[in-house]
Amino acid sequence: MNTDRIIAQAIAKEYAPKDNSKIVALKKLDNKAKMPATVFAYTFGIVSALVAGTGMCLAMGQIGSGIVAFVAGIIIGIIGFSGCCVNYPVYKKILEKGKNKYAFEIVELARQISEEK
């Protein structure tokens, strides 16, 4: 097994012109259907985790002190953790909506690909 040859072929394949085949189009459609849900889930999850962390810092007295900071921290923490809990069901709804939007095109393209082979 010649590793130099394998490496050379891998590098050459990387620089070879890409053909716009139906498989590439199918992958792009699949990505287009899933991307909005993924972006939302990451963004909303990060923001919710930061809000929950801020609430925990307030409740533990790391940011403020006193009963007002403690109560505000608990409320803010509950809001943050609620956002974390709601993130996955909302993600699933957005993903389902995206899949329904592109389902016909993806199924037709997949049918064309399967009939060619």
Protein backbone atom coordinates (compact mmCIF):
# COMPACT_ATOMS: atom_id res chain seq x y z
CA MET A 1 0.00 0.00 0.00
CA ASN A 2 1.63 3.20 -1.18
CA THR A 3 0.60 6.02 1.16
CA ASP A 4 2.19 8.71 -1.01
CA ARG A 5 -0.04 7.68 -3.90
CA ILE A 6 -3.16 7.73 -1.70
CA ILE A 7 -2.31 11.19 -0.37
CA ALA A 8 -1.61 12.48 -3.87
CA GLN A 9 -4.96 11.15 -5.12
CA ALA A 10 -6.81 12.72 -2.19
CA ILE A 11 -5.22 16.11 -2.85
CA ALA A 12 -5.89 15.85 -6.60
CA LYS A 13 -9.53 14.97 -5.94
CA GLU A 14 -9.84 18.08 -3.76
CA TYR A 15 -8.72 20.33 -6.63
CA ALA A 16 -10.56 18.52 -9.41
CA PRO A 17 -13.54 20.40 -10.86
CA LYS A 18 -16.76 19.44 -9.17
CA ASP A 19 -19.58 18.23 -11.36
CA ASN A 20 -23.04 19.50 -10.60
CA SER A 21 -24.61 16.10 -10.50
CA LYS A 22 -28.01 15.29 -9.15
CA ILE A 23 -26.48 13.92 -5.95
CA VAL A 24 -24.90 17.31 -5.22
CA ALA A 25 -28.23 19.00 -5.93
CA LEU A 26 -29.99 16.54 -3.63
CA LYS A 27 -27.52 17.25 -0.82
CA LYS A 28 -27.97 20.99 -1.31
CA LEU A 29 -31.76 20.67 -1.12
CA ASP A 30 -31.47 18.54 2.00
CA ASN A 31 -29.17 21.11 3.58
CA LYS A 32 -31.52 23.92 2.57
CA ALA A 33 -34.40 22.13 4.29
CA LYS A 34 -32.48 21.54 7.53
CA MET A 35 -30.35 24.69 7.86
CA PRO A 36 -32.96 27.12 9.30
CA ALA A 37 -33.84 24.70 12.09
CA THR A 38 -30.18 24.09 12.92
CA VAL A 39 -29.30 27.78 12.99
CA PHE A 40 -32.28 28.53 15.21
CA ALA A 41 -31.49 25.69 17.61
CA TYR A 42 -27.87 26.73 18.09
CA THR A 43 -28.65 30.43 18.43
CA PHE A 44 -31.61 30.01 20.77
CA GLY A 45 -29.77 27.37 22.81
CA ILE A 46 -26.72 29.56 23.31
CA VAL A 47 -28.81 32.59 24.26
CA SER A 48 -30.93 30.52 26.66
CA ALA A 49 -27.84 29.04 28.31
CA LEU A 50 -26.34 32.51 28.75
CA VAL A 51 -29.58 33.80 30.28
CA ALA A 52 -29.69 30.81 32.65
CA GLY A 53 -26.06 31.38 33.61
CA THR A 54 -26.72 35.04 34.30
CA GLY A 55 -29.63 34.07 36.51
CA MET A 56 -27.48 31.60 38.40
CA CYS A 57 -24.76 34.22 38.91
CA LEU A 58 -27.32 36.65 40.28
CA ALA A 59 -28.88 34.04 42.55
CA MET A 60 -25.50 32.97 43.96
CA GLY A 61 -24.40 36.53 44.56
CA GLN A 62 -21.56 36.59 42.05
CA ILE A 63 -22.94 39.59 40.16
CA GLY A 64 -25.11 41.39 42.69
CA SER A 65 -25.98 41.03 46.32
CA GLY A 66 -29.13 41.19 48.38
CA ILE A 67 -32.56 39.72 48.21
CA VAL A 68 -33.53 41.62 45.05
CA ALA A 69 -30.60 40.15 43.09
CA PHE A 70 -31.42 36.70 44.48
CA VAL A 71 -35.07 36.85 43.43
CA ALA A 72 -34.21 38.39 40.05
CA GLY A 73 -31.60 35.66 39.56
CA ILE A 74 -34.12 32.92 40.22
CA ILE A 75 -36.62 34.45 37.81
CA ILE A 76 -34.00 35.01 35.10
CA GLY A 77 -32.62 31.50 35.63
CA ILE A 78 -36.08 29.96 35.26
CA ILE A 79 -36.57 31.90 32.03
CA GLY A 80 -33.20 30.65 30.72
CA PHE A 81 -33.84 27.04 31.66
CA SER A 82 -37.33 27.24 30.16
CA GLY A 83 -35.76 28.39 26.91
CA CYS A 84 -33.38 25.43 27.01
CA CYS A 85 -36.30 23.05 27.58
CA VAL A 86 -38.38 24.52 24.75
CA ASN A 87 -35.48 24.59 22.27
CA TYR A 88 -35.75 20.98 21.05
CA PRO A 89 -39.53 20.91 20.44
CA VAL A 90 -39.30 24.20 18.54
CA TYR A 91 -36.36 22.82 16.55
CA LYS A 92 -38.42 19.77 15.60
CA LYS A 93 -41.32 21.98 14.43
CA ILE A 94 -39.06 24.17 12.29
CA LEU A 95 -37.33 21.08 10.87
CA GLU A 96 -40.67 19.49 9.99
CA LYS A 97 -41.79 22.70 8.29
CA GLY A 98 -38.56 22.85 6.25
CA LYS A 99 -38.83 19.21 5.25
CA ASN A 100 -42.44 19.67 4.16
CA LYS A 101 -41.46 22.71 2.11
CA TYR A 102 -38.81 20.84 0.09
CA ALA A 103 -40.25 17.30 0.28
CA PHE A 104 -41.64 17.19 -3.25
CA GLU A 105 -38.42 18.40 -4.88
CA ILE A 106 -36.24 16.05 -2.83
CA VAL A 107 -38.44 13.02 -3.52
CA GLU A 108 -38.56 13.76 -7.25
CA LEU A 109 -34.81 14.21 -7.47
CA ALA A 110 -34.19 11.05 -5.43
CA ARG A 111 -36.56 9.13 -7.71
CA GLN A 112 -34.67 10.38 -10.78
CA ILE A 113 -31.36 9.33 -9.26
CA SER A 114 -32.62 5.87 -8.32
CA GLU A 115 -34.07 5.30 -11.80
CA GLU A 116 -30.78 6.17 -13.51
CA LYS A 117 -28.82 3.42 -11.81
